[in-house]
Amino acid sequence: QVQVVESGGDSVQAGGALRLSCVVSGYTSRNYCLGWFRQAPGKEREGVASIGTGLGNSHYTDSVKDRFTISDISQDNAKKTVYLQMNSLKPEDTAVYYCAYYVPVRWACGAWLTRAGPGSNWGQGTQVTVSS
């Protein structure tokens, strides 16, 4: 059973930086997508960044390009940590951030991100608050 656990959310001032971490374990597929999504109060969930393990490509929503970076590290064959480095944070980045795991059966990782992560295993979320 896939488990997804995020951490690293905090309150920061605009212009600051945070790094979110997510540990994914229990997966068996060799080809999968890892992604970060966020949901602000009163808004729908949106994809932030994704990375295709084994495929080597990453995708970002336009509003975070050049500010956020997604990366991943394998700890062993069944455990991986994925990071979201967030720089130059803005108040509009305030949201609950979710990490997700997805086996790309129907969509490639980029399409999965733009569709806000259907068919995913989700973490519990971590709050990021950016004050002006």
Protein backbone atom coordinates (compact mmCIF):
# COMPACT_ATOMS: atom_id res chain seq x y z
CA GLN A 1 0.00 0.00 0.00
CA VAL A 2 1.38 3.37 -1.04
CA GLN A 3 1.89 5.88 1.76
CA VAL A 4 2.51 9.59 1.20
CA VAL A 5 3.61 11.87 4.03
CA GLU A 6 4.39 15.58 3.61
CA SER A 7 6.19 17.96 5.92
CA GLY A 8 7.82 21.38 5.91
CA GLY A 9 4.90 23.78 5.78
CA ASP A 10 5.29 27.00 7.73
CA SER A 11 4.47 30.69 7.86
CA VAL A 12 6.89 33.01 6.09
CA GLN A 13 7.00 36.56 4.83
CA ALA A 14 6.77 37.44 1.17
CA GLY A 15 10.08 36.99 -0.59
CA GLY A 16 11.08 34.16 1.71
CA ALA A 17 11.74 30.51 0.96
CA LEU A 18 10.55 27.11 2.15
CA ARG A 19 11.34 23.53 1.27
CA LEU A 20 8.58 20.97 1.45
CA SER A 21 9.42 17.28 1.78
CA CYS A 22 7.38 14.24 0.96
CA VAL A 23 8.23 10.61 1.67
CA VAL A 24 6.54 8.08 -0.58
CA SER A 25 6.76 4.41 0.36
CA GLY A 26 5.17 1.10 -0.40
CA TYR A 27 5.05 1.55 -4.18
CA THR A 28 5.88 -1.24 -6.57
CA SER A 29 5.73 0.39 -9.99
CA ARG A 30 9.01 1.36 -11.63
CA ASN A 31 7.33 4.09 -13.64
CA TYR A 32 5.35 6.73 -11.77
CA CYS A 33 4.75 10.44 -11.31
CA LEU A 34 5.31 12.43 -8.15
CA GLY A 35 3.74 15.81 -7.77
CA TRP A 36 2.86 18.75 -5.60
CA PHE A 37 -0.59 20.28 -5.60
CA ARG A 38 -2.14 23.05 -3.59
CA GLN A 39 -5.53 24.24 -2.54
CA ALA A 40 -6.23 27.72 -1.26
CA PRO A 41 -9.40 28.55 0.70
CA GLY A 42 -12.36 28.83 -1.62
CA LYS A 43 -10.40 27.63 -4.62
CA GLU A 44 -10.05 24.38 -6.46
CA ARG A 45 -6.99 22.21 -6.13
CA GLU A 46 -4.31 23.02 -8.70
CA GLY A 47 -1.18 21.29 -9.84
CA VAL A 48 2.07 23.00 -8.88
CA ALA A 49 4.91 20.75 -10.06
CA SER A 50 5.46 17.17 -11.11
CA ILE A 51 8.38 14.93 -11.87
CA GLY A 52 8.38 11.72 -13.82
CA THR A 53 10.56 9.14 -12.14
CA GLY A 54 12.32 7.12 -14.74
CA LEU A 55 11.37 9.69 -17.36
CA GLY A 56 13.55 12.53 -16.07
CA ASN A 57 11.25 15.40 -16.90
CA SER A 58 9.51 17.92 -14.68
CA HIS A 59 6.54 20.21 -15.20
CA TYR A 60 5.42 23.40 -13.47
CA THR A 61 2.34 25.52 -13.47
CA ASP A 62 3.10 28.92 -14.99
CA SER A 63 2.70 30.88 -11.76
CA VAL A 64 5.61 29.09 -10.07
CA LYS A 65 8.07 28.70 -12.93
CA ASP A 66 11.50 30.11 -12.08
CA ARG A 67 10.56 30.21 -8.38
CA PHE A 68 9.82 26.60 -7.43
CA THR A 69 11.91 23.49 -8.09
CA ILE A 70 10.83 19.88 -7.71
CA SER A 71 13.41 17.17 -7.13
CA ASP A 72 13.51 13.62 -5.83
CA ILE A 73 15.92 11.28 -4.10
CA SER A 74 15.62 7.52 -3.87
CA GLN A 75 16.37 6.13 -0.45
CA ASP A 76 15.94 2.53 -1.46
CA ASN A 77 13.94 0.55 -3.97
CA ALA A 78 10.64 1.18 -2.20
CA LYS A 79 11.05 4.61 -0.65
CA LYS A 80 11.53 7.99 -2.23
CA THR A 81 11.64 11.55 -1.01
CA VAL A 82 10.40 14.35 -3.22
CA TYR A 83 11.11 17.97 -2.44
CA LEU A 84 9.55 21.24 -3.47
CA GLN A 85 11.95 24.15 -3.05
CA MET A 86 9.93 27.35 -3.03
CA ASN A 87 11.73 30.66 -3.42
CA SER A 88 10.50 34.23 -3.76
CA LEU A 89 7.24 33.28 -2.08
CA LYS A 90 4.20 35.46 -2.62
CA PRO A 91 1.00 35.82 -0.59
CA GLU A 92 -0.88 34.10 -3.41
CA ASP A 93 1.19 30.97 -2.76
CA THR A 94 -0.68 30.54 0.52
CA ALA A 95 -2.43 27.18 0.47
CA VAL A 96 -2.43 23.65 1.79
CA TYR A 97 0.15 21.78 -0.24
CA TYR A 98 -0.37 18.13 -1.04
CA CYS A 99 2.04 15.55 -2.34
CA ALA A 100 0.78 12.83 -4.63
CA TYR A 101 1.88 9.61 -6.29
CA TYR A 102 0.43 8.41 -9.56
CA VAL A 103 1.09 5.53 -11.91
CA PRO A 104 0.76 7.03 -15.42
CA VAL A 105 -1.78 4.68 -16.94
CA ARG A 106 -4.15 7.22 -18.48
CA TRP A 107 -2.16 10.47 -18.48
CA ALA A 108 1.49 11.40 -18.69
CA CYS A 109 2.90 13.29 -15.73
CA GLY A 110 2.42 16.72 -17.26
CA ALA A 111 -1.23 16.09 -18.14
CA TRP A 112 -1.81 14.57 -14.71
CA LEU A 113 -0.52 17.79 -13.17
CA THR A 114 -2.76 20.08 -15.24
CA ARG A 115 -5.76 17.92 -14.36
CA ALA A 116 -5.05 18.42 -10.65
CA GLY A 117 -4.00 14.87 -9.97
CA PRO A 118 -6.84 12.43 -10.65
CA GLY A 119 -6.23 8.83 -9.66
CA SER A 120 -3.54 9.68 -7.14
CA ASN A 121 -2.45 8.50 -3.73
CA TRP A 122 -2.48 11.64 -1.56
CA GLY A 123 -0.76 12.85 1.55
CA GLN A 124 -2.51 14.66 4.36
CA GLY A 125 -1.30 18.12 3.30
CA THR A 126 0.92 20.75 4.86
CA GLN A 127 0.00 24.41 5.33
CA VAL A 128 2.05 27.17 3.73
CA THR A 129 1.19 30.72 4.71
CA VAL A 130 2.90 33.70 3.09
CA SER A 131 2.30 37.11 4.64
CA SER A 132 2.85 40.43 2.92
